[in-house]
């Protein structure tokens, strides 16, 4: 079972996040020595810092796992949202990393490493990612809840974490709606950012390689 350790954050092929001055800090308070399987299940996105691969509402992510031929846990993530009345899915894999908490990898080229700044697993979580570049640093973050409306406990923890992280305090957050109107599919088209066939082949390949 994977243990998630360390923190130095890297973003690859994701260019829509905010740009800030300075370098990514390696001295950040985040959850350590946790198992990713505790994070399984569905999460609702309450707020996010803008990025290039999410632009809709009714946004959720769901983590599931399989055991590969070696008996190791392989975790898959499915990001779902509604964009202008169209249902959109992005499927990927979450892997452990020697230096990071975990790496999120999508077959379309987007990948990034994420730290869990704070979570109690059954109610809320706040995720953070940062990359140094020639202009300073780029940052992404997500406030997640197990329910479409965050509890008072979740909101209190979100506020505390943000106040203690200068990158998050200075960021502009987007709040996706989880209303009935925002989640209504207005046509039958589904935007599969990766086809189901490719996902199956990718899953089989990763389960053999990991």
C-alpha atoms as a PDB file:
ATOM      1  CA  UNK A   1       0.000   0.000   0.000  1.00  0.00           C
ATOM      2  CA  UNK A   2       1.361   3.344  -0.989  1.00  0.00           C
ATOM      3  CA  UNK A   3       2.720   5.756   1.564  1.00  0.00           C
ATOM      4  CA  UNK A   4       2.761   9.398   0.536  1.00  0.00           C
ATOM      5  CA  UNK A   5       5.861  11.272   1.607  1.00  0.00           C
ATOM      6  CA  UNK A   6       7.813  14.499   1.082  1.00  0.00           C
ATOM      7  CA  UNK A   7       7.057  17.771  -0.664  1.00  0.00           C
ATOM      8  CA  UNK A   8       8.583  19.660  -3.594  1.00  0.00           C
ATOM      9  CA  UNK A   9       5.911  20.422  -6.152  1.00  0.00           C
ATOM     10  CA  UNK A  10       6.020  20.125  -9.947  1.00  0.00           C
ATOM     11  CA  UNK A  11       3.510  21.026 -12.639  1.00  0.00           C
ATOM     12  CA  UNK A  12       3.945  19.685 -16.179  1.00  0.00           C
ATOM     13  CA  UNK A  13       1.885  20.759 -19.202  1.00  0.00           C
ATOM     14  CA  UNK A  14      -0.652  22.714 -17.138  1.00  0.00           C
ATOM     15  CA  UNK A  15      -0.397  26.420 -17.886  1.00  0.00           C
ATOM     16  CA  UNK A  16      -3.623  27.953 -16.606  1.00  0.00           C
ATOM     17  CA  UNK A  17      -2.723  28.284 -12.924  1.00  0.00           C
ATOM     18  CA  UNK A  18      -1.922  31.613 -11.256  1.00  0.00           C
ATOM     19  CA  UNK A  19       1.542  33.131 -11.551  1.00  0.00           C
ATOM     20  CA  UNK A  20       3.194  34.538  -8.407  1.00  0.00           C
ATOM     21  CA  UNK A  21       6.572  36.082  -7.586  1.00  0.00           C
ATOM     22  CA  UNK A  22       9.196  34.086  -5.725  1.00  0.00           C
ATOM     23  CA  UNK A  23       9.897  30.368  -5.449  1.00  0.00           C
ATOM     24  CA  UNK A  24       7.811  27.480  -4.162  1.00  0.00           C
ATOM     25  CA  UNK A  25       8.412  26.935  -0.466  1.00  0.00           C
ATOM     26  CA  UNK A  26       9.680  23.567   0.767  1.00  0.00           C
ATOM     27  CA  UNK A  27       8.624  24.463   4.321  1.00  0.00           C
ATOM     28  CA  UNK A  28       4.862  23.940   4.115  1.00  0.00           C
ATOM     29  CA  UNK A  29       2.632  22.355   6.722  1.00  0.00           C
ATOM     30  CA  UNK A  30       0.898  19.385   5.075  1.00  0.00           C
ATOM     31  CA  UNK A  31      -0.445  15.943   5.955  1.00  0.00           C
ATOM     32  CA  UNK A  32       2.325  13.340   6.185  1.00  0.00           C
ATOM     33  CA  UNK A  33       2.486   9.545   6.271  1.00  0.00           C
ATOM     34  CA  UNK A  34      -1.063   8.950   5.104  1.00  0.00           C
ATOM     35  CA  UNK A  35      -2.359   6.271   2.766  1.00  0.00           C
ATOM     36  CA  UNK A  36      -4.006   7.279  -0.466  1.00  0.00           C
ATOM     37  CA  UNK A  37      -6.656   4.597   0.006  1.00  0.00           C
ATOM     38  CA  UNK A  38      -8.052   6.703   2.861  1.00  0.00           C
ATOM     39  CA  UNK A  39      -8.774   9.349   0.228  1.00  0.00           C
ATOM     40  CA  UNK A  40     -10.868   7.056  -1.996  1.00  0.00           C
ATOM     41  CA  UNK A  41     -14.432   7.886  -2.998  1.00  0.00           C
ATOM     42  CA  UNK A  42     -16.180  10.976  -4.331  1.00  0.00           C
ATOM     43  CA  UNK A  43     -15.213  14.564  -3.551  1.00  0.00           C
ATOM     44  CA  UNK A  44     -17.078  17.744  -4.504  1.00  0.00           C
ATOM     45  CA  UNK A  45     -15.036  20.754  -5.537  1.00  0.00           C
ATOM     46  CA  UNK A  46     -16.034  23.730  -3.366  1.00  0.00           C
ATOM     47  CA  UNK A  47     -13.444  26.206  -4.655  1.00  0.00           C
ATOM     48  CA  UNK A  48     -10.388  26.083  -6.871  1.00  0.00           C
ATOM     49  CA  UNK A  49      -7.594  28.309  -8.068  1.00  0.00           C
ATOM     50  CA  UNK A  50      -8.015  28.582 -11.823  1.00  0.00           C
ATOM     51  CA  UNK A  51      -6.228  26.093 -14.061  1.00  0.00           C
ATOM     52  CA  UNK A  52      -6.160  25.162 -17.738  1.00  0.00           C
ATOM     53  CA  UNK A  53      -8.017  21.856 -17.521  1.00  0.00           C
ATOM     54  CA  UNK A  54     -11.103  22.710 -15.429  1.00  0.00           C
ATOM     55  CA  UNK A  55     -13.573  25.322 -16.663  1.00  0.00           C
ATOM     56  CA  UNK A  56     -17.007  24.090 -15.624  1.00  0.00           C
ATOM     57  CA  UNK A  57     -19.399  23.671 -12.728  1.00  0.00           C
ATOM     58  CA  UNK A  58     -20.799  20.708 -10.791  1.00  0.00           C
ATOM     59  CA  UNK A  59     -17.175  19.604 -10.480  1.00  0.00           C
ATOM     60  CA  UNK A  60     -16.295  16.354  -8.721  1.00  0.00           C
ATOM     61  CA  UNK A  61     -13.425  13.908  -8.516  1.00  0.00           C
ATOM     62  CA  UNK A  62     -13.718  10.232  -7.683  1.00  0.00           C
ATOM     63  CA  UNK A  63     -10.851   7.981  -6.623  1.00  0.00           C
ATOM     64  CA  UNK A  64     -11.010   4.205  -7.067  1.00  0.00           C
ATOM     65  CA  UNK A  65      -8.383   1.490  -6.947  1.00  0.00           C
ATOM     66  CA  UNK A  66      -7.458  -1.933  -8.289  1.00  0.00           C
ATOM     67  CA  UNK A  67      -4.814  -4.457  -7.284  1.00  0.00           C
ATOM     68  CA  UNK A  68      -2.245  -5.196  -9.975  1.00  0.00           C
ATOM     69  CA  UNK A  69      -0.622  -8.564 -10.588  1.00  0.00           C
ATOM     70  CA  UNK A  70       1.952  -7.835  -7.859  1.00  0.00           C
ATOM     71  CA  UNK A  71      -0.740  -7.155  -5.291  1.00  0.00           C
ATOM     72  CA  UNK A  72      -0.020  -3.399  -5.252  1.00  0.00           C
ATOM     73  CA  UNK A  73      -2.764  -0.787  -5.118  1.00  0.00           C
ATOM     74  CA  UNK A  74      -3.176   1.287  -8.299  1.00  0.00           C
ATOM     75  CA  UNK A  75      -5.381   4.365  -7.823  1.00  0.00           C
ATOM     76  CA  UNK A  76      -7.421   5.949 -10.622  1.00  0.00           C
ATOM     77  CA  UNK A  77      -9.049   9.365 -10.602  1.00  0.00           C
ATOM     78  CA  UNK A  78     -12.075  10.519 -12.598  1.00  0.00           C
ATOM     79  CA  UNK A  79     -12.665  14.285 -12.805  1.00  0.00           C
ATOM     80  CA  UNK A  80     -16.186  15.191 -13.895  1.00  0.00           C
ATOM     81  CA  UNK A  81     -17.818  18.551 -14.570  1.00  0.00           C
ATOM     82  CA  UNK A  82     -20.537  20.219 -16.601  1.00  0.00           C
ATOM     83  CA  UNK A  83     -19.346  22.794 -19.137  1.00  0.00           C
ATOM     84  CA  UNK A  84     -22.058  24.823 -20.871  1.00  0.00           C
ATOM     85  CA  UNK A  85     -24.548  22.028 -20.384  1.00  0.00           C
ATOM     86  CA  UNK A  86     -22.159  19.343 -21.608  1.00  0.00           C
ATOM     87  CA  UNK A  87     -20.895  16.549 -19.374  1.00  0.00           C
ATOM     88  CA  UNK A  88     -17.091  16.305 -19.368  1.00  0.00           C
ATOM     89  CA  UNK A  89     -14.843  13.568 -17.965  1.00  0.00           C
ATOM     90  CA  UNK A  90     -11.075  13.431 -17.483  1.00  0.00           C
ATOM     91  CA  UNK A  91      -9.620  10.122 -16.300  1.00  0.00           C
ATOM     92  CA  UNK A  92      -6.127   9.592 -14.963  1.00  0.00           C
ATOM     93  CA  UNK A  93      -3.883   7.729 -12.547  1.00  0.00           C
ATOM     94  CA  UNK A  94      -2.469   8.698  -9.165  1.00  0.00           C
ATOM     95  CA  UNK A  95       0.996   7.394  -8.340  1.00  0.00           C
ATOM     96  CA  UNK A  96       3.300   7.702  -5.314  1.00  0.00           C
ATOM     97  CA  UNK A  97       6.480   9.715  -5.678  1.00  0.00           C
ATOM     98  CA  UNK A  98       9.758   9.556  -3.777  1.00  0.00           C
ATOM     99  CA  UNK A  99       9.819  13.319  -3.207  1.00  0.00           C
ATOM    100  CA  UNK A 100       6.158  14.257  -3.298  1.00  0.00           C
ATOM    101  CA  UNK A 101       2.899  13.248  -1.687  1.00  0.00           C
ATOM    102  CA  UNK A 102       1.438  11.939  -4.933  1.00  0.00           C
ATOM    103  CA  UNK A 103       1.515  12.509  -8.683  1.00  0.00           C
ATOM    104  CA  UNK A 104      -1.598  12.896 -10.827  1.00  0.00           C
ATOM    105  CA  UNK A 105      -1.038  11.770 -14.428  1.00  0.00           C
ATOM    106  CA  UNK A 106      -3.430  12.145 -17.361  1.00  0.00           C
ATOM    107  CA  UNK A 107      -2.776  10.416 -20.709  1.00  0.00           C
ATOM    108  CA  UNK A 108      -3.382  13.704 -22.577  1.00  0.00           C
ATOM    109  CA  UNK A 109      -0.105  15.091 -21.202  1.00  0.00           C
ATOM    110  CA  UNK A 110      -1.257  16.970 -18.109  1.00  0.00           C
ATOM    111  CA  UNK A 111       0.468  15.898 -14.909  1.00  0.00           C
ATOM    112  CA  UNK A 112       1.152  17.478 -11.548  1.00  0.00           C
ATOM    113  CA  UNK A 113       2.180  16.584  -8.010  1.00  0.00           C
ATOM    114  CA  UNK A 114      -0.109  17.462  -5.124  1.00  0.00           C
ATOM    115  CA  UNK A 115       0.225  17.922  -1.377  1.00  0.00           C
ATOM    116  CA  UNK A 116      -2.735  17.357   0.946  1.00  0.00           C
ATOM    117  CA  UNK A 117      -2.496  20.407   3.188  1.00  0.00           C
ATOM    118  CA  UNK A 118      -5.317  19.329   5.488  1.00  0.00           C
ATOM    119  CA  UNK A 119      -7.983  16.599   5.570  1.00  0.00           C
ATOM    120  CA  UNK A 120     -10.039  14.438   7.915  1.00  0.00           C
ATOM    121  CA  UNK A 121     -10.857  12.110   4.963  1.00  0.00           C
ATOM    122  CA  UNK A 122     -14.586  11.827   5.712  1.00  0.00           C
ATOM    123  CA  UNK A 123     -15.535  15.495   5.420  1.00  0.00           C
ATOM    124  CA  UNK A 124     -13.029  17.876   3.820  1.00  0.00           C
ATOM    125  CA  UNK A 125      -9.641  18.215   2.126  1.00  0.00           C
ATOM    126  CA  UNK A 126      -7.561  21.027   0.700  1.00  0.00           C
ATOM    127  CA  UNK A 127      -4.944  20.264  -1.978  1.00  0.00           C
ATOM    128  CA  UNK A 128      -2.008  22.382  -3.148  1.00  0.00           C
ATOM    129  CA  UNK A 129       0.446  22.263  -6.040  1.00  0.00           C
ATOM    130  CA  UNK A 130       3.266  24.603  -7.073  1.00  0.00           C
ATOM    131  CA  UNK A 131       5.963  24.846  -9.775  1.00  0.00           C
ATOM    132  CA  UNK A 132       8.981  27.083 -10.042  1.00  0.00           C
ATOM    133  CA  UNK A 133       9.539  28.653 -13.463  1.00  0.00           C
ATOM    134  CA  UNK A 134      11.480  31.498 -15.075  1.00  0.00           C
ATOM    135  CA  UNK A 135       8.758  33.983 -14.083  1.00  0.00           C
ATOM    136  CA  UNK A 136       8.518  32.906 -10.442  1.00  0.00           C
ATOM    137  CA  UNK A 137       6.065  30.175  -9.477  1.00  0.00           C
ATOM    138  CA  UNK A 138       2.683  28.886 -10.627  1.00  0.00           C
ATOM    139  CA  UNK A 139       0.136  27.621  -8.121  1.00  0.00           C
ATOM    140  CA  UNK A 140      -2.992  25.466  -8.151  1.00  0.00           C
ATOM    141  CA  UNK A 141      -5.222  24.477  -5.218  1.00  0.00           C
ATOM    142  CA  UNK A 142      -8.576  22.850  -4.499  1.00  0.00           C
ATOM    143  CA  UNK A 143     -10.990  22.932  -1.552  1.00  0.00           C
ATOM    144  CA  UNK A 144     -12.874  19.625  -1.501  1.00  0.00           C
ATOM    145  CA  UNK A 145     -15.872  18.326   0.431  1.00  0.00           C
ATOM    146  CA  UNK A 146     -17.595  14.961   0.674  1.00  0.00           C
ATOM    147  CA  UNK A 147     -20.909  16.802   0.165  1.00  0.00           C
ATOM    148  CA  UNK A 148     -21.964  19.472  -2.383  1.00  0.00           C
ATOM    149  CA  UNK A 149     -22.242  22.033   0.427  1.00  0.00           C
ATOM    150  CA  UNK A 150     -19.268  22.316   2.744  1.00  0.00           C
ATOM    151  CA  UNK A 151     -19.905  21.922   6.462  1.00  0.00           C
ATOM    152  CA  UNK A 152     -18.957  24.564   9.028  1.00  0.00           C
ATOM    153  CA  UNK A 153     -16.059  22.332  10.060  1.00  0.00           C
ATOM    154  CA  UNK A 154     -14.843  22.236   6.466  1.00  0.00           C
ATOM    155  CA  UNK A 155     -15.150  26.001   6.005  1.00  0.00           C
ATOM    156  CA  UNK A 156     -13.262  26.669   9.244  1.00  0.00           C
ATOM    157  CA  UNK A 157     -10.415  24.395   8.182  1.00  0.00           C
ATOM    158  CA  UNK A 158     -10.334  25.930   4.686  1.00  0.00           C
ATOM    159  CA  UNK A 159     -10.005  29.426   6.187  1.00  0.00           C
ATOM    160  CA  UNK A 160      -7.278  28.346   8.609  1.00  0.00           C
ATOM    161  CA  UNK A 161      -5.182  26.654   5.931  1.00  0.00           C
ATOM    162  CA  UNK A 162      -5.516  29.561   3.491  1.00  0.00           C
ATOM    163  CA  UNK A 163      -4.529  32.126   6.128  1.00  0.00           C
ATOM    164  CA  UNK A 164      -1.366  30.134   6.869  1.00  0.00           C
ATOM    165  CA  UNK A 165      -0.264  29.887   3.237  1.00  0.00           C
ATOM    166  CA  UNK A 166       0.761  33.120   1.535  1.00  0.00           C
ATOM    167  CA  UNK A 167       0.243  31.645  -1.941  1.00  0.00           C
ATOM    168  CA  UNK A 168      -3.380  30.819  -1.165  1.00  0.00           C
ATOM    169  CA  UNK A 169      -4.127  34.121   0.568  1.00  0.00           C
ATOM    170  CA  UNK A 170      -2.988  36.025  -2.527  1.00  0.00           C
ATOM    171  CA  UNK A 171      -4.890  33.791  -4.949  1.00  0.00           C
ATOM    172  CA  UNK A 172      -8.219  34.368  -6.677  1.00  0.00           C
ATOM    173  CA  UNK A 173     -10.549  31.441  -6.015  1.00  0.00           C
ATOM    174  CA  UNK A 174     -13.310  30.241  -8.332  1.00  0.00           C
ATOM    175  CA  UNK A 175     -16.453  28.708  -6.828  1.00  0.00           C
ATOM    176  CA  UNK A 176     -18.094  26.091  -9.081  1.00  0.00           C
ATOM    177  CA  UNK A 177     -21.838  25.796  -8.592  1.00  0.00           C
ATOM    178  CA  UNK A 178     -23.448  22.511  -7.582  1.00  0.00           C
ATOM    179  CA  UNK A 179     -26.984  23.762  -8.128  1.00  0.00           C
ATOM    180  CA  UNK A 180     -29.541  21.739 -10.071  1.00  0.00           C
ATOM    181  CA  UNK A 181     -29.290  24.215 -12.947  1.00  0.00           C
ATOM    182  CA  UNK A 182     -25.485  24.079 -13.070  1.00  0.00           C
ATOM    183  CA  UNK A 183     -25.506  20.270 -13.033  1.00  0.00           C
ATOM    184  CA  UNK A 184     -28.196  19.870 -15.717  1.00  0.00           C
ATOM    185  CA  UNK A 185     -27.028  18.228 -18.944  1.00  0.00           C
ATOM    186  CA  UNK A 186     -28.635  20.201 -21.800  1.00  0.00           C
ATOM    187  CA  UNK A 187     -27.649  17.864 -24.592  1.00  0.00           C
ATOM    188  CA  UNK A 188     -26.721  14.226 -25.030  1.00  0.00           C
ATOM    189  CA  UNK A 189     -23.102  14.903 -25.951  1.00  0.00           C
ATOM    190  CA  UNK A 190     -20.434  13.836 -23.508  1.00  0.00           C
ATOM    191  CA  UNK A 191     -16.967  15.301 -23.781  1.00  0.00           C
ATOM    192  CA  UNK A 192     -14.677  12.388 -22.961  1.00  0.00           C
ATOM    193  CA  UNK A 193     -11.272  13.995 -22.706  1.00  0.00           C
ATOM    194  CA  UNK A 194      -9.937  10.478 -22.976  1.00  0.00           C
ATOM    195  CA  UNK A 195     -11.921   7.725 -24.634  1.00  0.00           C
ATOM    196  CA  UNK A 196     -13.071   4.738 -22.593  1.00  0.00           C
ATOM    197  CA  UNK A 197     -11.012   2.401 -24.774  1.00  0.00           C
ATOM    198  CA  UNK A 198      -7.841   4.406 -24.207  1.00  0.00           C
ATOM    199  CA  UNK A 199      -8.592   4.541 -20.476  1.00  0.00           C
ATOM    200  CA  UNK A 200      -8.949   0.762 -20.266  1.00  0.00           C
ATOM    201  CA  UNK A 201      -5.699   0.197 -22.181  1.00  0.00           C
ATOM    202  CA  UNK A 202      -3.938   2.794 -20.041  1.00  0.00           C
ATOM    203  CA  UNK A 203      -5.231   1.187 -16.829  1.00  0.00           C
ATOM    204  CA  UNK A 204      -4.064  -2.254 -17.925  1.00  0.00           C
ATOM    205  CA  UNK A 205      -0.664  -0.908 -18.890  1.00  0.00           C
ATOM    206  CA  UNK A 206      -0.197   0.970 -15.615  1.00  0.00           C
ATOM    207  CA  UNK A 207      -1.315  -1.979 -13.493  1.00  0.00           C
ATOM    208  CA  UNK A 208       1.328  -4.151 -15.165  1.00  0.00           C
ATOM    209  CA  UNK A 209       4.069  -1.561 -14.925  1.00  0.00           C
ATOM    210  CA  UNK A 210       3.533  -0.305 -11.367  1.00  0.00           C
END
